[in-house]
Protein backbone atom coordinates (compact mmCIF):
# COMPACT_ATOMS: atom_id res chain seq x y z
CA LEU A 1 10.22 166.43 -2.36
CA ARG A 2 13.61 167.66 -1.19
CA ASN A 3 12.84 166.51 2.35
CA LEU A 4 11.72 163.15 0.99
CA SER A 5 15.10 162.47 -0.61
CA SER A 6 16.96 163.17 2.64
CA THR A 7 14.50 160.96 4.55
CA PHE A 8 14.98 158.23 1.96
CA GLN A 9 18.76 158.56 2.20
CA LYS A 10 18.65 158.30 6.01
CA THR A 11 16.45 155.21 5.77
CA ILE A 12 18.86 153.56 3.35
CA GLU A 13 21.88 154.44 5.48
CA ASN A 14 20.19 153.12 8.64
CA ASN A 15 19.28 149.84 6.97
CA MET A 16 22.51 149.45 5.01
CA ALA A 17 24.25 147.91 8.01
CA ILE A 18 21.70 145.11 8.01
CA THR A 19 22.30 144.21 4.39
CA LEU A 20 26.08 144.62 4.48
CA ASN A 21 26.52 142.42 7.54
CA PHE A 22 24.72 139.49 5.91
CA ASN A 23 27.22 136.71 5.25
CA ILE A 24 26.11 135.03 2.02
CA GLU A 25 28.48 132.11 2.65
CA GLU A 26 26.37 131.10 5.65
CA ASP A 27 23.16 130.94 3.59
CA ILE A 28 21.83 127.38 3.17
CA PHE A 29 21.06 127.89 -0.52
CA TYR A 30 24.57 129.20 -1.14
CA LYS A 31 26.04 126.13 0.58
CA GLN A 32 23.81 123.79 -1.44
CA GLY A 33 24.91 125.52 -4.66
CA ILE A 34 28.56 125.10 -3.75
CA GLU A 35 28.02 121.40 -2.99
CA LYS A 36 26.25 120.85 -6.32
CA GLY A 37 29.03 122.68 -8.14
CA ILE A 38 31.66 120.52 -6.49
CA GLU A 39 29.73 117.36 -7.40
CA LYS A 40 29.46 118.43 -11.03
CA GLY A 41 33.11 119.41 -11.12
CA THR A 42 34.14 116.08 -9.66
CA LYS A 43 32.17 114.20 -12.27
CA GLN A 44 33.16 116.27 -15.27
CA GLY A 45 36.49 117.93 -14.95
CA VAL A 46 38.45 117.59 -11.75
CA GLU A 47 40.30 114.43 -12.80
CA LYS A 48 41.06 115.94 -16.20
CA GLY A 49 42.40 119.07 -14.54
CA ILE A 50 44.56 117.07 -12.17
CA ASN A 51 45.96 114.97 -15.03
CA GLU A 52 46.72 118.06 -17.10
CA GLY A 53 48.44 119.67 -14.13
CA GLU A 54 50.54 116.58 -13.51
CA ALA A 55 51.50 116.41 -17.19
CA LYS A 56 52.59 120.08 -17.17
CA LYS A 57 54.65 119.51 -14.03
CA ALA A 58 56.28 116.39 -15.51
CA LYS A 59 57.13 118.30 -18.70
CA SER A 60 58.66 121.07 -16.60
CA VAL A 61 60.79 118.54 -14.74
CA VAL A 62 61.84 116.93 -18.04
CA ILE A 63 62.91 120.31 -19.43
CA ASN A 64 64.95 121.02 -16.30
CA CYS A 65 66.58 117.60 -16.49
CA ILE A 66 67.41 118.02 -20.18
CA GLN A 67 68.99 121.40 -19.45
CA LYS A 68 71.11 119.78 -16.72
CA GLY A 69 72.32 117.12 -19.14
CA PHE A 70 70.44 114.08 -17.84
CA ASP A 71 70.03 111.12 -20.20
CA ASN A 72 66.60 109.87 -21.31
CA GLN A 73 66.70 106.75 -19.12
CA THR A 74 67.33 108.76 -15.94
CA ILE A 75 64.65 111.30 -16.86
CA SER A 76 62.20 108.48 -17.51
CA GLU A 77 62.93 106.96 -14.10
CA LEU A 78 62.48 110.34 -12.38
CA THR A 79 59.28 111.40 -14.14
CA GLY A 80 57.56 108.18 -15.18
CA LEU A 81 57.37 109.41 -18.76
CA SER A 82 58.32 107.12 -21.62
CA ILE A 83 61.53 107.66 -23.56
CA PRO A 84 59.59 108.57 -26.75
CA GLU A 85 57.74 111.27 -24.76
CA ILE A 86 61.05 112.63 -23.49
CA GLU A 87 62.54 112.59 -26.99
CA LYS A 88 59.51 114.53 -28.23
CA ILE A 89 60.14 117.21 -25.58
CA ARG A 90 63.82 117.31 -26.56
CA LYS A 91 62.82 117.96 -30.18
CA GLU A 92 60.42 120.73 -29.09
CA LEU A 93 63.25 122.42 -27.19
CA LYS A 94 65.52 122.38 -30.24
CA LYS A 95 62.99 124.34 -32.31
């Protein structure tokens, strides 16, 4: 039995290179799964994620503008946000 374990270990080591050199990203089923995932993401959440990211960036710009002393009209022109939205952010900053 002791000889069997060393034989088994050598077999595994000799074949390990075969399994480790396999690039899963080149597998057709892997590629199909990625494509399906992208399709689902596009349909369900990508636009929402983009919109949320843009809103966070706009809020960040508004905060920077407020800190630099810009008036609401100028901030609105720079960010595309409405004056009530800017005033809401101003109130949040005062808290």
